[in-house]
Amino acid sequence: MLFEVLGQLEVRTNGQLTPCGGPKNQKILAALLLASGQTVPITHLVDVVWEADPPATAAKQVRNAISDLRRVLPPDGPSI
């Protein structure tokens, strides 16, 4: 699996583009990649997605986005 983070975020598996969702999912994935091997608090991911004034459902939306990413990324990829 290849993650391209300079420019537009792209995920490639065996040379094929793997769609990882919209801007919210891409921001979360980028933040997780930057913190590889570290625990990333939900509050940090909320800050990454919503710079100011996150909605009341922000933490739930982040959890849903992570669930979406787990579904589309191959199981042999990085653990998120």
PDB file of N, CA and C in Angstrom:
ATOM      1  N   MET A   1       0.850  -1.161   0.000  1.00  0.00           N
ATOM      2  CA  MET A   1       0.000   0.000   0.000  1.00  0.00           C
ATOM      3  C   MET A   1       0.898   1.226   0.000  1.00  0.00           C
ATOM      4  N   LEU A   2       0.543   2.216  -0.791  1.00  0.00           N
ATOM      5  CA  LEU A   2       1.311   3.440  -0.924  1.00  0.00           C
ATOM      6  C   LEU A   2       0.416   4.619  -0.596  1.00  0.00           C
ATOM      7  N   PHE A   3       0.904   5.479   0.284  1.00  0.00           N
ATOM      8  CA  PHE A   3       0.188   6.709   0.615  1.00  0.00           C
ATOM      9  C   PHE A   3       0.964   7.873   0.016  1.00  0.00           C
ATOM     10  N   GLU A   4       0.324   8.666  -0.815  1.00  0.00           N
ATOM     11  CA  GLU A   4       0.941   9.850  -1.403  1.00  0.00           C
ATOM     12  C   GLU A   4       0.353  11.062  -0.708  1.00  0.00           C
ATOM     13  N   VAL A   5       1.205  11.786   0.015  1.00  0.00           N
ATOM     14  CA  VAL A   5       0.689  12.888   0.827  1.00  0.00           C
ATOM     15  C   VAL A   5       1.185  14.259   0.370  1.00  0.00           C
ATOM     16  N   LEU A   6       2.104  14.302  -0.564  1.00  0.00           N
ATOM     17  CA  LEU A   6       2.523  15.592  -1.104  1.00  0.00           C
ATOM     18  C   LEU A   6       1.596  15.919  -2.262  1.00  0.00           C
ATOM     19  N   GLY A   7       0.910  17.037  -2.163  1.00  0.00           N
ATOM     20  CA  GLY A   7      -0.139  17.332  -3.125  1.00  0.00           C
ATOM     21  C   GLY A   7      -1.436  16.738  -2.611  1.00  0.00           C
ATOM     22  N   GLN A   8      -2.261  16.253  -3.518  1.00  0.00           N
ATOM     23  CA  GLN A   8      -3.531  15.643  -3.122  1.00  0.00           C
ATOM     24  C   GLN A   8      -3.269  14.278  -2.503  1.00  0.00           C
ATOM     25  N   LEU A   9      -3.946  13.987  -1.392  1.00  0.00           N
ATOM     26  CA  LEU A   9      -3.798  12.692  -0.723  1.00  0.00           C
ATOM     27  C   LEU A   9      -4.354  11.591  -1.613  1.00  0.00           C
ATOM     28  N   GLU A  10      -3.521  10.578  -1.864  1.00  0.00           N
ATOM     29  CA  GLU A  10      -3.962   9.413  -2.623  1.00  0.00           C
ATOM     30  C   GLU A  10      -3.480   8.156  -1.929  1.00  0.00           C
ATOM     31  N   VAL A  11      -4.302   7.123  -2.014  1.00  0.00           N
ATOM     32  CA  VAL A  11      -3.950   5.816  -1.472  1.00  0.00           C
ATOM     33  C   VAL A  11      -3.942   4.849  -2.652  1.00  0.00           C
ATOM     34  N   ARG A  12      -2.843   4.113  -2.793  1.00  0.00           N
ATOM     35  CA  ARG A  12      -2.742   3.142  -3.877  1.00  0.00           C
ATOM     36  C   ARG A  12      -2.443   1.767  -3.301  1.00  0.00           C
ATOM     37  N   THR A  13      -3.183   0.792  -3.779  1.00  0.00           N
ATOM     38  CA  THR A  13      -2.981  -0.599  -3.394  1.00  0.00           C
ATOM     39  C   THR A  13      -2.685  -1.381  -4.658  1.00  0.00           C
ATOM     40  N   ASN A  14      -1.511  -1.987  -4.703  1.00  0.00           N
ATOM     41  CA  ASN A  14      -1.079  -2.716  -5.902  1.00  0.00           C
ATOM     42  C   ASN A  14      -1.201  -1.852  -7.153  1.00  0.00           C
ATOM     43  N   GLY A  15      -0.840  -0.579  -7.015  1.00  0.00           N
ATOM     44  CA  GLY A  15      -0.869   0.348  -8.137  1.00  0.00           C
ATOM     45  C   GLY A  15      -2.231   0.932  -8.452  1.00  0.00           C
ATOM     46  N   GLN A  16      -3.273   0.423  -7.821  1.00  0.00           N
ATOM     47  CA  GLN A  16      -4.633   0.895  -8.083  1.00  0.00           C
ATOM     48  C   GLN A  16      -5.036   1.952  -7.056  1.00  0.00           C
ATOM     49  N   LEU A  17      -5.662   3.010  -7.525  1.00  0.00           N
ATOM     50  CA  LEU A  17      -6.155   4.059  -6.640  1.00  0.00           C
ATOM     51  C   LEU A  17      -7.257   3.502  -5.748  1.00  0.00           C
ATOM     52  N   THR A  18      -7.130   3.706  -4.443  1.00  0.00           N
ATOM     53  CA  THR A  18      -8.120   3.262  -3.470  1.00  0.00           C
ATOM     54  C   THR A  18      -8.847   4.495  -2.952  1.00  0.00           C
ATOM     55  N   PRO A  19     -10.114   4.682  -3.312  1.00  0.00           N
ATOM     56  CA  PRO A  19     -10.835   5.857  -2.814  1.00  0.00           C
ATOM     57  C   PRO A  19     -10.999   5.783  -1.303  1.00  0.00           C
ATOM     58  N   CYS A  20     -10.700   6.878  -0.631  1.00  0.00           N
ATOM     59  CA  CYS A  20     -10.803   6.864   0.833  1.00  0.00           C
ATOM     60  C   CYS A  20     -11.852   7.850   1.341  1.00  0.00           C
ATOM     61  N   GLY A  21     -12.674   8.373   0.454  1.00  0.00           N
ATOM     62  CA  GLY A  21     -13.753   9.251   0.897  1.00  0.00           C
ATOM     63  C   GLY A  21     -13.470  10.709   0.612  1.00  0.00           C
ATOM     64  N   GLY A  22     -14.330  11.540   1.151  1.00  0.00           N
ATOM     65  CA  GLY A  22     -14.255  12.969   0.914  1.00  0.00           C
ATOM     66  C   GLY A  22     -13.219  13.677   1.772  1.00  0.00           C
ATOM     67  N   PRO A  23     -13.284  14.992   1.782  1.00  0.00           N
ATOM     68  CA  PRO A  23     -12.291  15.798   2.490  1.00  0.00           C
ATOM     69  C   PRO A  23     -12.153  15.460   3.979  1.00  0.00           C
ATOM     70  N   LYS A  24     -13.267  15.155   4.638  1.00  0.00           N
ATOM     71  CA  LYS A  24     -13.204  14.823   6.068  1.00  0.00           C
ATOM     72  C   LYS A  24     -12.357  13.565   6.276  1.00  0.00           C
ATOM     73  N   ASN A  25     -12.655  12.515   5.516  1.00  0.00           N
ATOM     74  CA  ASN A  25     -11.895  11.271   5.637  1.00  0.00           C
ATOM     75  C   ASN A  25     -10.436  11.490   5.281  1.00  0.00           C
ATOM     76  N   GLN A  26     -10.174  12.285   4.262  1.00  0.00           N
ATOM     77  CA  GLN A  26      -8.807  12.540   3.839  1.00  0.00           C
ATOM     78  C   GLN A  26      -8.024  13.295   4.909  1.00  0.00           C
ATOM     79  N   LYS A  27      -8.641  14.262   5.546  1.00  0.00           N
ATOM     80  CA  LYS A  27      -7.965  15.004   6.626  1.00  0.00           C
ATOM     81  C   LYS A  27      -7.654  14.080   7.797  1.00  0.00           C
ATOM     82  N   ILE A  28      -8.602  13.222   8.141  1.00  0.00           N
ATOM     83  CA  ILE A  28      -8.391  12.293   9.251  1.00  0.00           C
ATOM     84  C   ILE A  28      -7.286  11.304   8.906  1.00  0.00           C
ATOM     85  N   LEU A  29      -7.317  10.749   7.699  1.00  0.00           N
ATOM     86  CA  LEU A  29      -6.280   9.810   7.291  1.00  0.00           C
ATOM     87  C   LEU A  29      -4.911  10.479   7.296  1.00  0.00           C
ATOM     88  N   ALA A  30      -4.821  11.692   6.793  1.00  0.00           N
ATOM     89  CA  ALA A  30      -3.538  12.410   6.787  1.00  0.00           C
ATOM     90  C   ALA A  30      -3.028  12.617   8.211  1.00  0.00           C
ATOM     91  N   ALA A  31      -3.906  12.995   9.118  1.00  0.00           N
ATOM     92  CA  ALA A  31      -3.498  13.200  10.516  1.00  0.00           C
ATOM     93  C   ALA A  31      -3.028  11.892  11.137  1.00  0.00           C
ATOM     94  N   LEU A  32      -3.703  10.798  10.830  1.00  0.00           N
ATOM     95  CA  LEU A  32      -3.295   9.494  11.362  1.00  0.00           C
ATOM     96  C   LEU A  32      -1.956   9.046  10.776  1.00  0.00           C
ATOM     97  N   LEU A  33      -1.745   9.305   9.494  1.00  0.00           N
ATOM     98  CA  LEU A  33      -0.467   8.953   8.876  1.00  0.00           C
ATOM     99  C   LEU A  33       0.683   9.755   9.480  1.00  0.00           C
ATOM    100  N   LEU A  34       0.436  11.022   9.742  1.00  0.00           N
ATOM    101  CA  LEU A  34       1.476  11.868  10.336  1.00  0.00           C
ATOM    102  C   LEU A  34       1.831  11.434  11.749  1.00  0.00           C
ATOM    103  N   ALA A  35       0.900  10.775  12.418  1.00  0.00           N
ATOM    104  CA  ALA A  35       1.124  10.325  13.801  1.00  0.00           C
ATOM    105  C   ALA A  35       1.324   8.811  13.839  1.00  0.00           C
ATOM    106  N   SER A  36       1.851   8.246  12.787  1.00  0.00           N
ATOM    107  CA  SER A  36       2.009   6.793  12.683  1.00  0.00           C
ATOM    108  C   SER A  36       2.654   6.203  13.927  1.00  0.00           C
ATOM    109  N   GLY A  37       2.013   5.162  14.461  1.00  0.00           N
ATOM    110  CA  GLY A  37       2.534   4.483  15.639  1.00  0.00           C
ATOM    111  C   GLY A  37       2.163   5.137  16.956  1.00  0.00           C
ATOM    112  N   GLN A  38       1.412   6.221  16.896  1.00  0.00           N
ATOM    113  CA  GLN A  38       1.017   6.949  18.107  1.00  0.00           C
ATOM    114  C   GLN A  38      -0.507   6.927  18.239  1.00  0.00           C
ATOM    115  N   THR A  39      -0.959   7.036  19.463  1.00  0.00           N
ATOM    116  CA  THR A  39      -2.382   7.185  19.710  1.00  0.00           C
ATOM    117  C   THR A  39      -2.773   8.618  19.398  1.00  0.00           C
ATOM    118  N   VAL A  40      -3.848   8.780  18.648  1.00  0.00           N
ATOM    119  CA  VAL A  40      -4.324  10.116  18.285  1.00  0.00           C
ATOM    120  C   VAL A  40      -5.686  10.323  18.933  1.00  0.00           C
ATOM    121  N   PRO A  41      -5.792  11.291  19.846  1.00  0.00           N
ATOM    122  CA  PRO A  41      -7.081  11.519  20.507  1.00  0.00           C
ATOM    123  C   PRO A  41      -8.143  12.021  19.521  1.00  0.00           C
ATOM    124  N   ILE A  42      -9.363  11.630  19.777  1.00  0.00           N
ATOM    125  CA  ILE A  42     -10.496  12.097  18.965  1.00  0.00           C
ATOM    126  C   ILE A  42     -10.518  13.629  18.933  1.00  0.00           C
ATOM    127  N   THR A  43     -10.204  14.254  20.062  1.00  0.00           N
ATOM    128  CA  THR A  43     -10.234  15.721  20.112  1.00  0.00           C
ATOM    129  C   THR A  43      -9.270  16.337  19.099  1.00  0.00           C
ATOM    130  N   HIS A  44      -8.125  15.692  18.885  1.00  0.00           N
ATOM    131  CA  HIS A  44      -7.173  16.201  17.890  1.00  0.00           C
ATOM    132  C   HIS A  44      -7.757  16.062  16.484  1.00  0.00           C
ATOM    133  N   LEU A  45      -8.389  14.918  16.214  1.00  0.00           N
ATOM    134  CA  LEU A  45      -8.969  14.719  14.889  1.00  0.00           C
ATOM    135  C   LEU A  45     -10.137  15.668  14.640  1.00  0.00           C
ATOM    136  N   VAL A  46     -10.896  15.966  15.679  1.00  0.00           N
ATOM    137  CA  VAL A  46     -11.963  16.966  15.551  1.00  0.00           C
ATOM    138  C   VAL A  46     -11.347  18.310  15.172  1.00  0.00           C
ATOM    139  N   ASP A  47     -10.249  18.679  15.822  1.00  0.00           N
ATOM    140  CA  ASP A  47      -9.569  19.941  15.504  1.00  0.00           C
ATOM    141  C   ASP A  47      -9.026  19.951  14.079  1.00  0.00           C
ATOM    142  N   VAL A  48      -8.571  18.802  13.603  1.00  0.00           N
ATOM    143  CA  VAL A  48      -8.043  18.714  12.241  1.00  0.00           C
ATOM    144  C   VAL A  48      -9.155  18.956  11.220  1.00  0.00           C
ATOM    145  N   VAL A  49     -10.315  18.383  11.469  1.00  0.00           N
ATOM    146  CA  VAL A  49     -11.412  18.496  10.509  1.00  0.00           C
ATOM    147  C   VAL A  49     -12.113  19.855  10.615  1.00  0.00           C
ATOM    148  N   TRP A  50     -12.385  20.290  11.828  1.00  0.00           N
ATOM    149  CA  TRP A  50     -13.070  21.569  12.045  1.00  0.00           C
ATOM    150  C   TRP A  50     -12.132  22.475  12.820  1.00  0.00           C
ATOM    151  N   GLU A  51     -11.555  23.422  12.161  1.00  0.00           N
ATOM    152  CA  GLU A  51     -10.594  24.307  12.810  1.00  0.00           C
ATOM    153  C   GLU A  51     -11.246  25.136  13.908  1.00  0.00           C
ATOM    154  N   ALA A  52     -12.505  25.476  13.716  1.00  0.00           N
ATOM    155  CA  ALA A  52     -13.236  26.248  14.721  1.00  0.00           C
ATOM    156  C   ALA A  52     -14.702  25.847  14.675  1.00  0.00           C
ATOM    157  N   ASP A  53     -15.342  25.931  15.806  1.00  0.00           N
ATOM    158  CA  ASP A  53     -16.769  25.657  15.915  1.00  0.00           C
ATOM    159  C   ASP A  53     -17.201  24.292  15.377  1.00  0.00           C
ATOM    160  N   PRO A  54     -16.660  23.206  15.920  1.00  0.00           N
ATOM    161  CA  PRO A  54     -17.118  21.890  15.468  1.00  0.00           C
ATOM    162  C   PRO A  54     -18.566  21.663  15.890  1.00  0.00           C
ATOM    163  N   PRO A  55     -19.301  20.879  15.110  1.00  0.00           N
ATOM    164  CA  PRO A  55     -20.681  20.587  15.494  1.00  0.00           C
ATOM    165  C   PRO A  55     -20.715  19.698  16.734  1.00  0.00           C
ATOM    166  N   ALA A  56     -21.861  19.633  17.359  1.00  0.00           N
ATOM    167  CA  ALA A  56     -22.021  18.799  18.554  1.00  0.00           C
ATOM    168  C   ALA A  56     -21.764  17.326  18.244  1.00  0.00           C
ATOM    169  N   THR A  57     -21.948  16.937  17.000  1.00  0.00           N
ATOM    170  CA  THR A  57     -21.769  15.540  16.598  1.00  0.00           C
ATOM    171  C   THR A  57     -20.367  15.259  16.041  1.00  0.00           C
ATOM    172  N   ALA A  58     -19.424  16.161  16.249  1.00  0.00           N
ATOM    173  CA  ALA A  58     -18.097  16.033  15.637  1.00  0.00           C
ATOM    174  C   ALA A  58     -17.398  14.730  16.010  1.00  0.00           C
ATOM    175  N   ALA A  59     -17.379  14.365  17.272  1.00  0.00           N
ATOM    176  CA  ALA A  59     -16.687  13.137  17.689  1.00  0.00           C
ATOM    177  C   ALA A  59     -17.321  11.914  17.021  1.00  0.00           C
ATOM    178  N   LYS A  60     -18.637  11.883  16.927  1.00  0.00           N
ATOM    179  CA  LYS A  60     -19.321  10.764  16.275  1.00  0.00           C
ATOM    180  C   LYS A  60     -18.978  10.739  14.785  1.00  0.00           C
ATOM    181  N   GLN A  61     -18.932  11.896  14.153  1.00  0.00           N
ATOM    182  CA  GLN A  61     -18.585  11.954  12.733  1.00  0.00           C
ATOM    183  C   GLN A  61     -17.163  11.460  12.494  1.00  0.00           C
ATOM    184  N   VAL A  62     -16.242  11.785  13.399  1.00  0.00           N
ATOM    185  CA  VAL A  62     -14.866  11.305  13.278  1.00  0.00           C
ATOM    186  C   VAL A  62     -14.840   9.784  13.418  1.00  0.00           C
ATOM    187  N   ARG A  63     -15.542   9.255  14.392  1.00  0.00           N
ATOM    188  CA  ARG A  63     -15.594   7.794  14.565  1.00  0.00           C
ATOM    189  C   ARG A  63     -16.184   7.101  13.332  1.00  0.00           C
ATOM    190  N   ASN A  64     -17.214   7.701  12.751  1.00  0.00           N
ATOM    191  CA  ASN A  64     -17.816   7.142  11.537  1.00  0.00           C
ATOM    192  C   ASN A  64     -16.827   7.184  10.373  1.00  0.00           C
ATOM    193  N   ALA A  65     -16.083   8.279  10.254  1.00  0.00           N
ATOM    194  CA  ALA A  65     -15.094   8.400   9.180  1.00  0.00           C
ATOM    195  C   ALA A  65     -13.996   7.348   9.345  1.00  0.00           C
ATOM    196  N   ILE A  66     -13.557   7.111  10.568  1.00  0.00           N
ATOM    197  CA  ILE A  66     -12.540   6.086  10.817  1.00  0.00           C
ATOM    198  C   ILE A  66     -13.089   4.710  10.451  1.00  0.00           C
ATOM    199  N   SER A  67     -14.333   4.461  10.785  1.00  0.00           N
ATOM    200  CA  SER A  67     -14.969   3.199  10.410  1.00  0.00           C
ATOM    201  C   SER A  67     -15.005   3.048   8.894  1.00  0.00           C
ATOM    202  N   ASP A  68     -15.342   4.123   8.184  1.00  0.00           N
ATOM    203  CA  ASP A  68     -15.344   4.104   6.718  1.00  0.00           C
ATOM    204  C   ASP A  68     -13.954   3.773   6.181  1.00  0.00           C
ATOM    205  N   LEU A  69     -12.926   4.405   6.753  1.00  0.00           N
ATOM    206  CA  LEU A  69     -11.551   4.165   6.301  1.00  0.00           C
ATOM    207  C   LEU A  69     -11.147   2.713   6.541  1.00  0.00           C
ATOM    208  N   ARG A  70     -11.535   2.174   7.659  1.00  0.00           N
ATOM    209  CA  ARG A  70     -11.211   0.769   7.951  1.00  0.00           C
ATOM    210  C   ARG A  70     -11.847  -0.174   6.934  1.00  0.00           C
ATOM    211  N   ARG A  71     -13.021   0.194   6.440  1.00  0.00           N
ATOM    212  CA  ARG A  71     -13.707  -0.638   5.445  1.00  0.00           C
ATOM    213  C   ARG A  71     -13.021  -0.588   4.081  1.00  0.00           C
ATOM    214  N   VAL A  72     -12.491   0.571   3.684  1.00  0.00           N
ATOM    215  CA  VAL A  72     -11.947   0.701   2.323  1.00  0.00           C
ATOM    216  C   VAL A  72     -10.452   0.396   2.236  1.00  0.00           C
ATOM    217  N   LEU A  73      -9.730   0.525   3.340  1.00  0.00           N
ATOM    218  CA  LEU A  73      -8.298   0.242   3.300  1.00  0.00           C
ATOM    219  C   LEU A  73      -8.070  -1.250   3.464  1.00  0.00           C
ATOM    220  N   PRO A  74      -7.129  -1.802   2.728  1.00  0.00           N
ATOM    221  CA  PRO A  74      -6.851  -3.241   2.851  1.00  0.00           C
ATOM    222  C   PRO A  74      -6.410  -3.606   4.262  1.00  0.00           C
ATOM    223  N   PRO A  75      -6.769  -4.804   4.714  1.00  0.00           N
ATOM    224  CA  PRO A  75      -6.439  -5.212   6.078  1.00  0.00           C
ATOM    225  C   PRO A  75      -4.939  -5.324   6.333  1.00  0.00           C
ATOM    226  N   ASP A  76      -4.126  -5.480   5.281  1.00  0.00           N
ATOM    227  CA  ASP A  76      -2.682  -5.578   5.489  1.00  0.00           C
ATOM    228  C   ASP A  76      -2.015  -4.213   5.545  1.00  0.00           C
ATOM    229  N   GLY A  77      -2.829  -3.147   5.482  1.00  0.00           N
ATOM    230  CA  GLY A  77      -2.297  -1.801   5.552  1.00  0.00           C
ATOM    231  C   GLY A  77      -2.030  -1.386   6.980  1.00  0.00           C
ATOM    232  N   PRO A  78      -1.736  -0.117   7.195  1.00  0.00           N
ATOM    233  CA  PRO A  78      -1.455   0.351   8.549  1.00  0.00           C
ATOM    234  C   PRO A  78      -2.681   0.248   9.429  1.00  0.00           C
ATOM    235  N   SER A  79      -2.458   0.053  10.696  1.00  0.00           N
ATOM    236  CA  SER A  79      -3.551  -0.050  11.662  1.00  0.00           C
ATOM    237  C   SER A  79      -4.002   1.343  12.050  1.00  0.00           C
ATOM    238  N   ILE A  80      -5.292   1.647  11.828  1.00  0.00           N
ATOM    239  CA  ILE A  80      -5.806   2.961  12.234  1.00  0.00           C
ATOM    240  C   ILE A  80      -6.995   2.783  13.137  1.00  0.00           C
TER     241      ILE A  80
END
